[in-house]
C-alpha atoms as a PDB file:
ATOM      1  CA  MET A   1    -148.633 125.073  62.312  1.00  0.00           C
ATOM      2  CA  LYS A   2    -151.732 123.043  63.173  1.00  0.00           C
ATOM      3  CA  ILE A   3    -151.790 124.450  66.721  1.00  0.00           C
ATOM      4  CA  VAL A   4    -151.545 128.032  65.456  1.00  0.00           C
ATOM      5  CA  GLN A   5    -154.237 127.347  62.868  1.00  0.00           C
ATOM      6  CA  ASN A   6    -156.569 125.837  65.473  1.00  0.00           C
ATOM      7  CA  LEU A   7    -156.007 128.477  68.154  1.00  0.00           C
ATOM      8  CA  LEU A   8    -155.201 131.710  66.338  1.00  0.00           C
ATOM      9  CA  ASN A   9    -155.677 131.689  62.591  1.00  0.00           C
ATOM     10  CA  LYS A  10    -157.594 128.976  60.784  1.00  0.00           C
ATOM     11  CA  ASP A  11    -156.671 130.560  57.425  1.00  0.00           C
ATOM     12  CA  LEU A  12    -152.903 130.387  58.017  1.00  0.00           C
ATOM     13  CA  GLU A  13    -151.011 128.860  55.106  1.00  0.00           C
ATOM     14  CA  ILE A  14    -147.327 128.072  54.785  1.00  0.00           C
ATOM     15  CA  GLU A  15    -145.654 129.717  51.799  1.00  0.00           C
ATOM     16  CA  GLY A  16    -142.626 127.499  52.155  1.00  0.00           C
ATOM     17  CA  MET A  17    -139.748 126.348  54.308  1.00  0.00           C
ATOM     18  CA  LEU A  18    -136.446 128.202  54.124  1.00  0.00           C
ATOM     19  CA  LEU A  19    -133.177 126.510  54.952  1.00  0.00           C
ATOM     20  CA  THR A  20    -130.751 128.974  56.561  1.00  0.00           C
ATOM     21  CA  MET A  21    -127.259 129.092  58.050  1.00  0.00           C
ATOM     22  CA  TYR A  22    -126.182 126.460  55.533  1.00  0.00           C
ATOM     23  CA  ASP A  23    -122.498 125.536  55.377  1.00  0.00           C
ATOM     24  CA  GLN A  24    -121.831 123.273  52.420  1.00  0.00           C
ATOM     25  CA  ARG A  25    -118.549 122.089  53.968  1.00  0.00           C
ATOM     26  CA  LEU A  26    -120.380 120.285  56.770  1.00  0.00           C
ATOM     27  CA  ARG A  27    -121.624 116.767  56.116  1.00  0.00           C
ATOM     28  CA  LEU A  28    -124.396 117.214  58.687  1.00  0.00           C
ATOM     29  CA  ALA A  29    -125.686 120.347  56.922  1.00  0.00           C
ATOM     30  CA  ASN A  30    -125.874 118.447  53.636  1.00  0.00           C
ATOM     31  CA  GLN A  31    -127.683 115.551  55.300  1.00  0.00           C
ATOM     32  CA  VAL A  32    -130.193 117.941  56.897  1.00  0.00           C
ATOM     33  CA  VAL A  33    -130.926 119.555  53.506  1.00  0.00           C
ATOM     34  CA  GLU A  34    -131.488 116.129  51.926  1.00  0.00           C
ATOM     35  CA  GLU A  35    -133.758 114.967  54.766  1.00  0.00           C
ATOM     36  CA  VAL A  36    -135.830 118.151  54.844  1.00  0.00           C
ATOM     37  CA  LYS A  37    -136.274 118.162  51.065  1.00  0.00           C
ATOM     38  CA  MET A  38    -137.190 114.467  51.071  1.00  0.00           C
ATOM     39  CA  HIS A  39    -139.717 114.836  53.885  1.00  0.00           C
ATOM     40  CA  PHE A  40    -141.301 118.197  52.985  1.00  0.00           C
ATOM     41  CA  GLN A  41    -140.720 118.114  49.193  1.00  0.00           C
ATOM     42  CA  GLN A  42    -142.523 121.008  47.464  1.00  0.00           C
ATOM     43  CA  LEU A  43    -142.784 123.067  50.662  1.00  0.00           C
ATOM     44  CA  VAL A  44    -139.013 123.660  50.715  1.00  0.00           C
ATOM     45  CA  PHE A  45    -137.767 126.697  48.820  1.00  0.00           C
ATOM     46  CA  ASN A  46    -135.082 125.969  46.224  1.00  0.00           C
ATOM     47  CA  THR A  47    -133.108 128.925  47.581  1.00  0.00           C
ATOM     48  CA  ILE A  48    -130.873 128.154  50.543  1.00  0.00           C
ATOM     49  CA  ILE A  49    -129.374 130.890  52.717  1.00  0.00           C
ATOM     50  CA  PHE A  50    -125.675 130.154  53.189  1.00  0.00           C
ATOM     51  CA  ARG A  51    -123.854 131.019  56.399  1.00  0.00           C
ATOM     52  CA  ASN A  52    -122.197 134.358  55.705  1.00  0.00           C
ATOM     53  CA  THR A  53    -120.226 136.785  57.878  1.00  0.00           C
ATOM     54  CA  LYS A  54    -121.839 139.828  56.270  1.00  0.00           C
ATOM     55  CA  LEU A  55    -125.295 138.615  57.377  1.00  0.00           C
ATOM     56  CA  GLY A  56    -124.120 138.930  60.971  1.00  0.00           C
ATOM     57  CA  GLU A  57    -122.229 142.186  60.493  1.00  0.00           C
ATOM     58  CA  ALA A  58    -125.013 144.165  58.794  1.00  0.00           C
ATOM     59  CA  PRO A  59    -127.305 144.549  61.856  1.00  0.00           C
ATOM     60  CA  SER A  60    -124.423 145.779  64.016  1.00  0.00           C
ATOM     61  CA  HIS A  61    -124.003 148.586  61.468  1.00  0.00           C
ATOM     62  CA  GLY A  62    -127.736 149.299  61.568  1.00  0.00           C
ATOM     63  CA  GLU A  63    -128.253 148.177  57.980  1.00  0.00           C
ATOM     64  CA  THR A  64    -129.903 145.396  56.074  1.00  0.00           C
ATOM     65  CA  VAL A  65    -127.484 143.020  54.405  1.00  0.00           C
ATOM     66  CA  ILE A  66    -128.515 144.359  51.001  1.00  0.00           C
ATOM     67  CA  MET A  67    -127.627 147.926  52.044  1.00  0.00           C
ATOM     68  CA  PHE A  68    -124.458 146.722  53.787  1.00  0.00           C
ATOM     69  CA  ASP A  69    -123.108 144.584  50.921  1.00  0.00           C
ATOM     70  CA  ALA A  70    -125.555 143.651  48.173  1.00  0.00           C
ATOM     71  CA  THR A  71    -122.935 141.501  46.447  1.00  0.00           C
ATOM     72  CA  CYS A  72    -122.167 139.155  49.357  1.00  0.00           C
ATOM     73  CA  LYS A  73    -123.409 135.584  49.216  1.00  0.00           C
ATOM     74  CA  GLY A  74    -126.021 136.121  51.947  1.00  0.00           C
ATOM     75  CA  ALA A  75    -127.559 139.165  50.235  1.00  0.00           C
ATOM     76  CA  VAL A  76    -127.635 137.376  46.900  1.00  0.00           C
ATOM     77  CA  ASN A  77    -129.302 134.378  48.567  1.00  0.00           C
ATOM     78  CA  TYR A  78    -132.059 136.619  49.965  1.00  0.00           C
ATOM     79  CA  LEU A  79    -132.517 138.368  46.606  1.00  0.00           C
ATOM     80  CA  ASN A  80    -132.900 134.953  44.989  1.00  0.00           C
ATOM     81  CA  LEU A  81    -135.467 134.004  47.639  1.00  0.00           C
ATOM     82  CA  ALA A  82    -137.468 137.136  46.823  1.00  0.00           C
ATOM     83  CA  ARG A  83    -137.351 136.250  43.126  1.00  0.00           C
ATOM     84  CA  GLU A  84    -138.416 132.671  43.879  1.00  0.00           C
ATOM     85  CA  ILE A  85    -141.405 133.834  45.958  1.00  0.00           C
ATOM     86  CA  LEU A  86    -142.489 136.307  43.288  1.00  0.00           C
ATOM     87  CA  GLN A  87    -142.147 133.669  40.575  1.00  0.00           C
ATOM     88  CA  LYS A  88    -144.004 131.063  42.649  1.00  0.00           C
ATOM     89  CA  ASN A  89    -146.915 133.459  43.072  1.00  0.00           C
ATOM     90  CA  ASN A  90    -146.915 134.538  39.417  1.00  0.00           C
ATOM     91  CA  LEU A  91    -146.101 138.113  40.395  1.00  0.00           C
ATOM     92  CA  THR A  92    -143.293 138.518  37.884  1.00  0.00           C
ATOM     93  CA  ARG A  93    -142.365 137.378  34.423  1.00  0.00           C
ATOM     94  CA  LEU A  94    -138.704 136.484  34.617  1.00  0.00           C
ATOM     95  CA  THR A  95    -136.810 134.717  31.887  1.00  0.00           C
ATOM     96  CA  ASP A  96    -134.866 131.600  32.880  1.00  0.00           C
ATOM     97  CA  GLU A  97    -131.637 133.640  32.814  1.00  0.00           C
ATOM     98  CA  GLU A  98    -133.110 136.210  35.197  1.00  0.00           C
ATOM     99  CA  LYS A  99    -134.391 133.709  37.765  1.00  0.00           C
ATOM    100  CA  ILE A 100    -131.060 133.294  39.569  1.00  0.00           C
ATOM    101  CA  ILE A 101    -128.557 135.966  40.545  1.00  0.00           C
ATOM    102  CA  GLU A 102    -125.017 134.684  40.469  1.00  0.00           C
ATOM    103  CA  VAL A 103    -122.729 135.279  43.433  1.00  0.00           C
ATOM    104  CA  GLY A 104    -119.574 137.147  42.429  1.00  0.00           C
ATOM    105  CA  ASN A 105    -116.140 135.657  43.049  1.00  0.00           C
ATOM    106  CA  GLY A 106    -114.741 136.139  46.508  1.00  0.00           C
ATOM    107  CA  HIS A 107    -118.098 136.805  48.203  1.00  0.00           C
END
């Protein structure tokens, strides 16, 4: 980031760090999440994008994951990220119940 700021864009700011391709079954993935959150603290988004088959299938069908299957875990993760960014920037007035979209069973 510092190199890009110095060479290309001195006004560049980081909105946050997004953890992706997360597989909660893997001990290493859990350790990485803990380490990143410990080291970067407030820069890390609360939303984590889980590894999801539909995320990989959607582009091969020429669609976004939300158009392909808006109820799959990956799509819901990205919708939650959008909500988190809007909330962080005071661009929405969500109630606590509206802040997180729940993933349906089997997705």
